[in-house]
C-alpha atoms as a PDB file:
ATOM      1  CA  UNK A   1      65.302 117.391 -94.125  1.00  0.00           C
ATOM      2  CA  UNK A   2      61.665 116.866 -93.505  1.00  0.00           C
ATOM      3  CA  UNK A   3      58.827 116.821 -91.048  1.00  0.00           C
ATOM      4  CA  UNK A   4      57.358 113.996 -89.198  1.00  0.00           C
ATOM      5  CA  UNK A   5      54.247 115.319 -87.552  1.00  0.00           C
ATOM      6  CA  UNK A   6      55.480 118.574 -85.942  1.00  0.00           C
ATOM      7  CA  UNK A   7      59.080 117.269 -85.530  1.00  0.00           C
ATOM      8  CA  UNK A   8      61.720 118.500 -87.973  1.00  0.00           C
ATOM      9  CA  UNK A   9      64.312 115.708 -88.721  1.00  0.00           C
ATOM     10  CA  UNK A  10      67.164 114.734 -91.199  1.00  0.00           C
ATOM     11  CA  UNK A  11      68.462 111.412 -92.343  1.00  0.00           C
ATOM     12  CA  UNK A  12      71.874 110.706 -93.785  1.00  0.00           C
ATOM     13  CA  UNK A  13      73.540 107.387 -94.641  1.00  0.00           C
ATOM     14  CA  UNK A  14      72.471 103.854 -94.903  1.00  0.00           C
ATOM     15  CA  UNK A  15      72.493 100.918 -92.678  1.00  0.00           C
ATOM     16  CA  UNK A  16      71.096 100.105 -89.151  1.00  0.00           C
ATOM     17  CA  UNK A  17      69.238 103.277 -87.873  1.00  0.00           C
ATOM     18  CA  UNK A  18      71.010 105.331 -85.277  1.00  0.00           C
ATOM     19  CA  UNK A  19      68.958 108.344 -83.626  1.00  0.00           C
ATOM     20  CA  UNK A  20      70.816 111.263 -82.168  1.00  0.00           C
ATOM     21  CA  UNK A  21      69.286 113.661 -79.749  1.00  0.00           C
ATOM     22  CA  UNK A  22      70.790 117.018 -79.192  1.00  0.00           C
ATOM     23  CA  UNK A  23      71.179 119.084 -75.914  1.00  0.00           C
ATOM     24  CA  UNK A  24      69.177 121.976 -74.523  1.00  0.00           C
ATOM     25  CA  UNK A  25      69.536 125.194 -76.461  1.00  0.00           C
ATOM     26  CA  UNK A  26      71.044 123.475 -79.523  1.00  0.00           C
ATOM     27  CA  UNK A  27      69.346 121.721 -82.511  1.00  0.00           C
ATOM     28  CA  UNK A  28      69.959 118.902 -84.993  1.00  0.00           C
ATOM     29  CA  UNK A  29      72.589 121.013 -86.741  1.00  0.00           C
ATOM     30  CA  UNK A  30      75.119 120.272 -83.934  1.00  0.00           C
ATOM     31  CA  UNK A  31      75.296 116.645 -85.260  1.00  0.00           C
ATOM     32  CA  UNK A  32      76.379 117.585 -88.857  1.00  0.00           C
ATOM     33  CA  UNK A  33      80.117 116.677 -88.559  1.00  0.00           C
ATOM     34  CA  UNK A  34      79.658 113.580 -86.392  1.00  0.00           C
ATOM     35  CA  UNK A  35      76.698 112.357 -88.427  1.00  0.00           C
ATOM     36  CA  UNK A  36      78.855 112.560 -91.591  1.00  0.00           C
ATOM     37  CA  UNK A  37      81.416 110.420 -89.902  1.00  0.00           C
ATOM     38  CA  UNK A  38      78.830 107.818 -88.751  1.00  0.00           C
ATOM     39  CA  UNK A  39      76.802 107.699 -91.922  1.00  0.00           C
ATOM     40  CA  UNK A  40      79.259 105.404 -93.749  1.00  0.00           C
ATOM     41  CA  UNK A  41      77.819 102.336 -91.875  1.00  0.00           C
ATOM     42  CA  UNK A  42      74.680 103.871 -90.170  1.00  0.00           C
ATOM     43  CA  UNK A  43      71.342 105.421 -91.137  1.00  0.00           C
ATOM     44  CA  UNK A  44      71.789 108.519 -88.988  1.00  0.00           C
ATOM     45  CA  UNK A  45      68.675 110.267 -87.901  1.00  0.00           C
ATOM     46  CA  UNK A  46      68.746 113.749 -86.193  1.00  0.00           C
ATOM     47  CA  UNK A  47      65.835 115.776 -85.035  1.00  0.00           C
ATOM     48  CA  UNK A  48      64.888 119.105 -83.178  1.00  0.00           C
ATOM     49  CA  UNK A  49      63.476 118.509 -79.808  1.00  0.00           C
ATOM     50  CA  UNK A  50      60.268 120.293 -79.026  1.00  0.00           C
ATOM     51  CA  UNK A  51      60.824 123.904 -78.335  1.00  0.00           C
ATOM     52  CA  UNK A  52      63.915 123.991 -80.380  1.00  0.00           C
ATOM     53  CA  UNK A  53      64.845 124.542 -84.040  1.00  0.00           C
ATOM     54  CA  UNK A  54      62.105 123.915 -86.606  1.00  0.00           C
ATOM     55  CA  UNK A  55      60.064 121.700 -84.354  1.00  0.00           C
ATOM     56  CA  UNK A  56      56.811 122.683 -82.642  1.00  0.00           C
ATOM     57  CA  UNK A  57      57.149 124.939 -79.638  1.00  0.00           C
ATOM     58  CA  UNK A  58      53.964 124.273 -77.647  1.00  0.00           C
ATOM     59  CA  UNK A  59      52.872 126.646 -74.765  1.00  0.00           C
ATOM     60  CA  UNK A  60      52.761 125.594 -71.181  1.00  0.00           C
ATOM     61  CA  UNK A  61      55.103 123.621 -68.908  1.00  0.00           C
ATOM     62  CA  UNK A  62      57.124 120.960 -70.369  1.00  0.00           C
ATOM     63  CA  UNK A  63      57.906 117.569 -68.809  1.00  0.00           C
ATOM     64  CA  UNK A  64      60.391 114.837 -69.525  1.00  0.00           C
ATOM     65  CA  UNK A  65      57.453 112.594 -70.806  1.00  0.00           C
ATOM     66  CA  UNK A  66      56.722 115.328 -73.541  1.00  0.00           C
ATOM     67  CA  UNK A  67      60.204 114.837 -74.961  1.00  0.00           C
ATOM     68  CA  UNK A  68      60.017 111.026 -74.565  1.00  0.00           C
ATOM     69  CA  UNK A  69      56.547 111.039 -76.274  1.00  0.00           C
ATOM     70  CA  UNK A  70      57.955 113.233 -79.248  1.00  0.00           C
ATOM     71  CA  UNK A  71      60.706 110.674 -79.809  1.00  0.00           C
ATOM     72  CA  UNK A  72      58.195 107.835 -79.716  1.00  0.00           C
ATOM     73  CA  UNK A  73      55.976 109.609 -82.327  1.00  0.00           C
ATOM     74  CA  UNK A  74      59.075 110.186 -84.500  1.00  0.00           C
ATOM     75  CA  UNK A  75      60.286 106.577 -84.510  1.00  0.00           C
ATOM     76  CA  UNK A  76      56.760 105.416 -85.120  1.00  0.00           C
ATOM     77  CA  UNK A  77      56.366 107.864 -87.929  1.00  0.00           C
ATOM     78  CA  UNK A  78      59.730 106.609 -89.425  1.00  0.00           C
ATOM     79  CA  UNK A  79      58.659 102.952 -88.880  1.00  0.00           C
ATOM     80  CA  UNK A  80      61.737 102.102 -86.826  1.00  0.00           C
ATOM     81  CA  UNK A  81      61.067  98.751 -85.124  1.00  0.00           C
ATOM     82  CA  UNK A  82      64.680  98.401 -83.603  1.00  0.00           C
ATOM     83  CA  UNK A  83      67.246 101.105 -83.479  1.00  0.00           C
ATOM     84  CA  UNK A  84      70.240 102.453 -81.704  1.00  0.00           C
ATOM     85  CA  UNK A  85      69.830 105.679 -79.628  1.00  0.00           C
ATOM     86  CA  UNK A  86      72.365 108.328 -78.570  1.00  0.00           C
ATOM     87  CA  UNK A  87      71.385 111.192 -76.433  1.00  0.00           C
ATOM     88  CA  UNK A  88      73.751 114.272 -75.657  1.00  0.00           C
ATOM     89  CA  UNK A  89      73.314 116.245 -72.354  1.00  0.00           C
ATOM     90  CA  UNK A  90      69.710 116.925 -72.042  1.00  0.00           C
ATOM     91  CA  UNK A  91      69.265 114.444 -74.946  1.00  0.00           C
ATOM     92  CA  UNK A  92      70.669 111.788 -72.677  1.00  0.00           C
ATOM     93  CA  UNK A  93      68.020 112.340 -70.124  1.00  0.00           C
ATOM     94  CA  UNK A  94      65.516 112.044 -72.849  1.00  0.00           C
ATOM     95  CA  UNK A  95      67.104 108.803 -74.148  1.00  0.00           C
ATOM     96  CA  UNK A  96      66.974 107.361 -70.476  1.00  0.00           C
ATOM     97  CA  UNK A  97      63.343 108.174 -70.339  1.00  0.00           C
ATOM     98  CA  UNK A  98      62.733 106.530 -73.599  1.00  0.00           C
ATOM     99  CA  UNK A  99      64.706 103.510 -72.612  1.00  0.00           C
ATOM    100  CA  UNK A 100      62.764 103.047 -69.359  1.00  0.00           C
ATOM    101  CA  UNK A 101      59.505 102.924 -71.281  1.00  0.00           C
ATOM    102  CA  UNK A 102      60.434 101.383 -74.659  1.00  0.00           C
ATOM    103  CA  UNK A 103      63.686  99.464 -74.228  1.00  0.00           C
ATOM    104  CA  UNK A 104      62.324  96.707 -76.392  1.00  0.00           C
ATOM    105  CA  UNK A 105      62.773  99.067 -79.302  1.00  0.00           C
ATOM    106  CA  UNK A 106      66.515  99.573 -78.598  1.00  0.00           C
ATOM    107  CA  UNK A 107      69.647  97.674 -79.497  1.00  0.00           C
ATOM    108  CA  UNK A 108      72.115  99.845 -77.983  1.00  0.00           C
ATOM    109  CA  UNK A 109      72.017 103.159 -75.855  1.00  0.00           C
ATOM    110  CA  UNK A 110      74.836 105.729 -75.679  1.00  0.00           C
ATOM    111  CA  UNK A 111      74.596 108.442 -73.207  1.00  0.00           C
ATOM    112  CA  UNK A 112      76.969 111.321 -74.048  1.00  0.00           C
ATOM    113  CA  UNK A 113      77.958 114.151 -71.675  1.00  0.00           C
ATOM    114  CA  UNK A 114      74.937 113.338 -69.570  1.00  0.00           C
ATOM    115  CA  UNK A 115      74.244 114.452 -66.023  1.00  0.00           C
ATOM    116  CA  UNK A 116      73.287 111.879 -63.322  1.00  0.00           C
ATOM    117  CA  UNK A 117      72.063 112.618 -59.790  1.00  0.00           C
ATOM    118  CA  UNK A 118      73.370 116.032 -59.272  1.00  0.00           C
ATOM    119  CA  UNK A 119      74.776 117.047 -55.883  1.00  0.00           C
ATOM    120  CA  UNK A 120      73.111 119.670 -53.892  1.00  0.00           C
ATOM    121  CA  UNK A 121      75.634 122.304 -55.008  1.00  0.00           C
ATOM    122  CA  UNK A 122      75.271 121.254 -58.631  1.00  0.00           C
ATOM    123  CA  UNK A 123      71.373 121.276 -58.389  1.00  0.00           C
ATOM    124  CA  UNK A 124      71.520 124.819 -56.919  1.00  0.00           C
ATOM    125  CA  UNK A 125      73.818 126.020 -59.699  1.00  0.00           C
ATOM    126  CA  UNK A 126      71.497 124.628 -62.463  1.00  0.00           C
ATOM    127  CA  UNK A 127      68.421 126.125 -60.773  1.00  0.00           C
ATOM    128  CA  UNK A 128      70.133 129.507 -60.817  1.00  0.00           C
ATOM    129  CA  UNK A 129      70.674 128.979 -64.599  1.00  0.00           C
ATOM    130  CA  UNK A 130      67.028 128.180 -65.056  1.00  0.00           C
ATOM    131  CA  UNK A 131      66.068 131.278 -63.277  1.00  0.00           C
ATOM    132  CA  UNK A 132      68.525 133.189 -65.475  1.00  0.00           C
ATOM    133  CA  UNK A 133      66.979 131.726 -68.592  1.00  0.00           C
ATOM    134  CA  UNK A 134      63.640 133.152 -67.593  1.00  0.00           C
ATOM    135  CA  UNK A 135      64.765 136.636 -66.605  1.00  0.00           C
ATOM    136  CA  UNK A 136      68.416 137.210 -67.481  1.00  0.00           C
ATOM    137  CA  UNK A 137      70.325 138.749 -70.300  1.00  0.00           C
ATOM    138  CA  UNK A 138      70.489 136.417 -73.300  1.00  0.00           C
ATOM    139  CA  UNK A 139      74.062 137.323 -74.162  1.00  0.00           C
ATOM    140  CA  UNK A 140      75.272 136.566 -70.706  1.00  0.00           C
ATOM    141  CA  UNK A 141      73.559 133.167 -70.770  1.00  0.00           C
ATOM    142  CA  UNK A 142      75.145 132.353 -74.200  1.00  0.00           C
ATOM    143  CA  UNK A 143      78.625 133.396 -73.185  1.00  0.00           C
ATOM    144  CA  UNK A 144      78.572 131.529 -69.875  1.00  0.00           C
ATOM    145  CA  UNK A 145      77.471 128.365 -71.703  1.00  0.00           C
ATOM    146  CA  UNK A 146      80.216 128.738 -74.222  1.00  0.00           C
ATOM    147  CA  UNK A 147      82.796 128.995 -71.417  1.00  0.00           C
ATOM    148  CA  UNK A 148      81.526 125.779 -69.819  1.00  0.00           C
ATOM    149  CA  UNK A 149      81.185 123.911 -73.049  1.00  0.00           C
ATOM    150  CA  UNK A 150      84.519 124.344 -75.029  1.00  0.00           C
ATOM    151  CA  UNK A 151      88.151 124.074 -74.067  1.00  0.00           C
ATOM    152  CA  UNK A 152      90.153 127.215 -74.392  1.00  0.00           C
ATOM    153  CA  UNK A 153      92.349 125.602 -77.094  1.00  0.00           C
ATOM    154  CA  UNK A 154      89.456 124.696 -79.243  1.00  0.00           C
ATOM    155  CA  UNK A 155      87.871 128.246 -78.755  1.00  0.00           C
ATOM    156  CA  UNK A 156      90.992 129.741 -79.913  1.00  0.00           C
ATOM    157  CA  UNK A 157      91.493 127.624 -82.938  1.00  0.00           C
ATOM    158  CA  UNK A 158      87.763 127.424 -84.038  1.00  0.00           C
ATOM    159  CA  UNK A 159      86.057 130.818 -83.528  1.00  0.00           C
ATOM    160  CA  UNK A 160      83.656 129.956 -86.260  1.00  0.00           C
ATOM    161  CA  UNK A 161      82.350 126.886 -84.429  1.00  0.00           C
ATOM    162  CA  UNK A 162      81.703 129.061 -81.401  1.00  0.00           C
ATOM    163  CA  UNK A 163      80.203 131.776 -83.355  1.00  0.00           C
ATOM    164  CA  UNK A 164      77.591 129.347 -84.967  1.00  0.00           C
ATOM    165  CA  UNK A 165      76.745 128.090 -81.591  1.00  0.00           C
ATOM    166  CA  UNK A 166      76.232 131.592 -80.279  1.00  0.00           C
ATOM    167  CA  UNK A 167      73.896 132.304 -83.248  1.00  0.00           C
ATOM    168  CA  UNK A 168      71.967 129.212 -82.577  1.00  0.00           C
ATOM    169  CA  UNK A 169      71.385 129.938 -78.948  1.00  0.00           C
ATOM    170  CA  UNK A 170      70.671 133.508 -79.643  1.00  0.00           C
ATOM    171  CA  UNK A 171      67.900 132.478 -82.105  1.00  0.00           C
ATOM    172  CA  UNK A 172      66.167 130.328 -79.555  1.00  0.00           C
ATOM    173  CA  UNK A 173      62.624 131.206 -78.414  1.00  0.00           C
ATOM    174  CA  UNK A 174      63.177 132.543 -74.942  1.00  0.00           C
ATOM    175  CA  UNK A 175      60.140 130.908 -73.422  1.00  0.00           C
ATOM    176  CA  UNK A 176      60.536 127.580 -75.102  1.00  0.00           C
ATOM    177  CA  UNK A 177      64.182 127.574 -74.090  1.00  0.00           C
ATOM    178  CA  UNK A 178      63.509 128.348 -70.440  1.00  0.00           C
ATOM    179  CA  UNK A 179      60.648 125.575 -70.363  1.00  0.00           C
ATOM    180  CA  UNK A 180      63.099 122.971 -71.815  1.00  0.00           C
ATOM    181  CA  UNK A 181      65.807 124.076 -69.436  1.00  0.00           C
ATOM    182  CA  UNK A 182      63.700 123.500 -66.404  1.00  0.00           C
ATOM    183  CA  UNK A 183      63.295 119.908 -67.582  1.00  0.00           C
ATOM    184  CA  UNK A 184      66.949 119.568 -67.933  1.00  0.00           C
ATOM    185  CA  UNK A 185      67.401 120.788 -64.492  1.00  0.00           C
ATOM    186  CA  UNK A 186      65.193 118.240 -62.772  1.00  0.00           C
ATOM    187  CA  UNK A 187      65.033 115.037 -65.010  1.00  0.00           C
ATOM    188  CA  UNK A 188      68.080 113.481 -63.652  1.00  0.00           C
ATOM    189  CA  UNK A 189      66.523 113.361 -60.283  1.00  0.00           C
ATOM    190  CA  UNK A 190      63.325 111.898 -61.701  1.00  0.00           C
ATOM    191  CA  UNK A 191      65.405 109.186 -63.427  1.00  0.00           C
ATOM    192  CA  UNK A 192      67.586 107.920 -60.706  1.00  0.00           C
ATOM    193  CA  UNK A 193      65.273 105.445 -59.215  1.00  0.00           C
ATOM    194  CA  UNK A 194      64.341 104.073 -62.718  1.00  0.00           C
ATOM    195  CA  UNK A 195      67.935 103.624 -64.225  1.00  0.00           C
ATOM    196  CA  UNK A 196      68.421 100.094 -63.001  1.00  0.00           C
ATOM    197  CA  UNK A 197      65.419  99.002 -65.193  1.00  0.00           C
ATOM    198  CA  UNK A 198      67.311  99.760 -68.350  1.00  0.00           C
ATOM    199  CA  UNK A 199      69.019  96.428 -69.457  1.00  0.00           C
ATOM    200  CA  UNK A 200      69.968  97.682 -72.901  1.00  0.00           C
ATOM    201  CA  UNK A 201      73.717  97.570 -73.441  1.00  0.00           C
ATOM    202  CA  UNK A 202      74.785 101.176 -72.717  1.00  0.00           C
ATOM    203  CA  UNK A 203      77.919 103.231 -73.191  1.00  0.00           C
ATOM    204  CA  UNK A 204      78.340 106.437 -71.092  1.00  0.00           C
ATOM    205  CA  UNK A 205      80.828 108.932 -72.273  1.00  0.00           C
ATOM    206  CA  UNK A 206      81.802 112.239 -70.992  1.00  0.00           C
ATOM    207  CA  UNK A 207      84.940 114.593 -71.151  1.00  0.00           C
ATOM    208  CA  UNK A 208      87.560 114.523 -68.508  1.00  0.00           C
ATOM    209  CA  UNK A 209      87.044 118.291 -67.957  1.00  0.00           C
ATOM    210  CA  UNK A 210      83.354 118.533 -68.213  1.00  0.00           C
ATOM    211  CA  UNK A 211      82.415 120.525 -65.084  1.00  0.00           C
ATOM    212  CA  UNK A 212      78.645 119.708 -65.206  1.00  0.00           C
ATOM    213  CA  UNK A 213      78.440 116.157 -66.780  1.00  0.00           C
ATOM    214  CA  UNK A 214      81.491 115.051 -64.758  1.00  0.00           C
ATOM    215  CA  UNK A 215      83.413 111.771 -64.978  1.00  0.00           C
ATOM    216  CA  UNK A 216      82.045 110.879 -61.512  1.00  0.00           C
ATOM    217  CA  UNK A 217      78.566 111.172 -62.975  1.00  0.00           C
ATOM    218  CA  UNK A 218      79.456 108.927 -65.820  1.00  0.00           C
ATOM    219  CA  UNK A 219      80.863 106.320 -63.681  1.00  0.00           C
ATOM    220  CA  UNK A 220      77.843 106.450 -61.347  1.00  0.00           C
ATOM    221  CA  UNK A 221      75.437 106.280 -64.136  1.00  0.00           C
ATOM    222  CA  UNK A 222      77.300 103.327 -65.736  1.00  0.00           C
ATOM    223  CA  UNK A 223      77.211 101.494 -62.381  1.00  0.00           C
ATOM    224  CA  UNK A 224      73.488 101.958 -61.987  1.00  0.00           C
ATOM    225  CA  UNK A 225      72.938 100.397 -65.433  1.00  0.00           C
ATOM    226  CA  UNK A 226      72.782  96.556 -65.514  1.00  0.00           C
ATOM    227  CA  UNK A 227      74.767  96.541 -68.689  1.00  0.00           C
ATOM    228  CA  UNK A 228      76.578  99.896 -68.576  1.00  0.00           C
ATOM    229  CA  UNK A 229      80.175 100.997 -69.125  1.00  0.00           C
ATOM    230  CA  UNK A 230      81.906 104.264 -69.036  1.00  0.00           C
ATOM    231  CA  UNK A 231      84.443 105.901 -71.216  1.00  0.00           C
ATOM    232  CA  UNK A 232      86.208 109.332 -70.342  1.00  0.00           C
ATOM    233  CA  UNK A 233      87.498 111.397 -73.166  1.00  0.00           C
ATOM    234  CA  UNK A 234      90.912 112.985 -72.079  1.00  0.00           C
ATOM    235  CA  UNK A 235      91.235 116.796 -72.217  1.00  0.00           C
ATOM    236  CA  UNK A 236      87.504 117.344 -73.332  1.00  0.00           C
ATOM    237  CA  UNK A 237      84.851 119.398 -71.777  1.00  0.00           C
ATOM    238  CA  UNK A 238      81.153 119.320 -72.662  1.00  0.00           C
ATOM    239  CA  UNK A 239      80.797 119.833 -76.470  1.00  0.00           C
ATOM    240  CA  UNK A 240      82.501 116.598 -77.421  1.00  0.00           C
ATOM    241  CA  UNK A 241      80.439 116.044 -80.713  1.00  0.00           C
ATOM    242  CA  UNK A 242      82.045 119.372 -82.096  1.00  0.00           C
ATOM    243  CA  UNK A 243      85.507 119.106 -80.491  1.00  0.00           C
ATOM    244  CA  UNK A 244      86.223 115.420 -80.858  1.00  0.00           C
ATOM    245  CA  UNK A 245      84.128 113.967 -83.681  1.00  0.00           C
ATOM    246  CA  UNK A 246      86.824 111.552 -84.857  1.00  0.00           C
ATOM    247  CA  UNK A 247      87.478 110.182 -81.502  1.00  0.00           C
ATOM    248  CA  UNK A 248      83.873 109.971 -80.626  1.00  0.00           C
ATOM    249  CA  UNK A 249      82.854 108.275 -83.908  1.00  0.00           C
ATOM    250  CA  UNK A 250      85.459 105.681 -83.182  1.00  0.00           C
ATOM    251  CA  UNK A 251      84.162 105.028 -79.721  1.00  0.00           C
ATOM    252  CA  UNK A 252      80.422 104.846 -80.815  1.00  0.00           C
ATOM    253  CA  UNK A 253      81.087 102.561 -83.852  1.00  0.00           C
ATOM    254  CA  UNK A 254      83.422 100.409 -81.735  1.00  0.00           C
ATOM    255  CA  UNK A 255      80.741  99.969 -79.124  1.00  0.00           C
ATOM    256  CA  UNK A 256      77.945  99.289 -81.588  1.00  0.00           C
ATOM    257  CA  UNK A 257      80.026  96.686 -83.291  1.00  0.00           C
ATOM    258  CA  UNK A 258      81.575  95.045 -80.245  1.00  0.00           C
ATOM    259  CA  UNK A 259      80.677  91.876 -78.627  1.00  0.00           C
ATOM    260  CA  UNK A 260      80.041  93.712 -75.383  1.00  0.00           C
ATOM    261  CA  UNK A 261      77.743  96.277 -77.192  1.00  0.00           C
ATOM    262  CA  UNK A 262      75.720  93.302 -78.558  1.00  0.00           C
ATOM    263  CA  UNK A 263      75.735  91.236 -75.548  1.00  0.00           C
ATOM    264  CA  UNK A 264      72.607  90.544 -73.480  1.00  0.00           C
ATOM    265  CA  UNK A 265      74.551  89.371 -70.486  1.00  0.00           C
ATOM    266  CA  UNK A 266      75.155  91.340 -67.245  1.00  0.00           C
ATOM    267  CA  UNK A 267      78.481  93.034 -66.781  1.00  0.00           C
ATOM    268  CA  UNK A 268      81.064  91.049 -64.938  1.00  0.00           C
END
């Protein structure tokens, strides 16, 4: 683990670099199991987004451009000329924003459990959660997220994993979390008119039962991308990196090594 500027990051493995971006309220620790599976053939780089973990928590309103700028400074500091990028949930929005501005730096893009063009009802719901993050009871926020994120079967079999996630969210700086959540709530709308500019080969993945980053969103996102394809993981909800690391690592490495993943041609 180390610092690049004011960003806390970790690197494991050797091979072509693959950067992973966590979701809102989490940190780079959520990648530990998946990163270990990927590190046999990849140099896996994880980091804490601004407002999270051990990275800087600046004052004032956050914007998507702040998170994109942080990622740019990180890869500049690590001297990554070309790399693969995977973003989970809010991290998927940051990854899209980076691809719009710097896709010449990307070999492949993977968008995992990522929202796209929320409906009016979905936007109302997430805005309510933004307000709750500012004024509500922290335990209520955490438990509601846990219910959305994990399947009942996994929750029953792995209470230790859920407890670590509860601890992580409870340790968040309240103000920074609320500012980051506000970006998560609006950035998908900001990105919709820009997505078609991303020609990087892109794999969109979500869980069959993810109620917020839905299969419908995944298919729409893939359709807006000139070189996008969608994969839906059966019987999964939102927290696929923790629930399905083996299946997910196979999907990721298969895409990174496939002819489709390395193609510059349009989808047919």
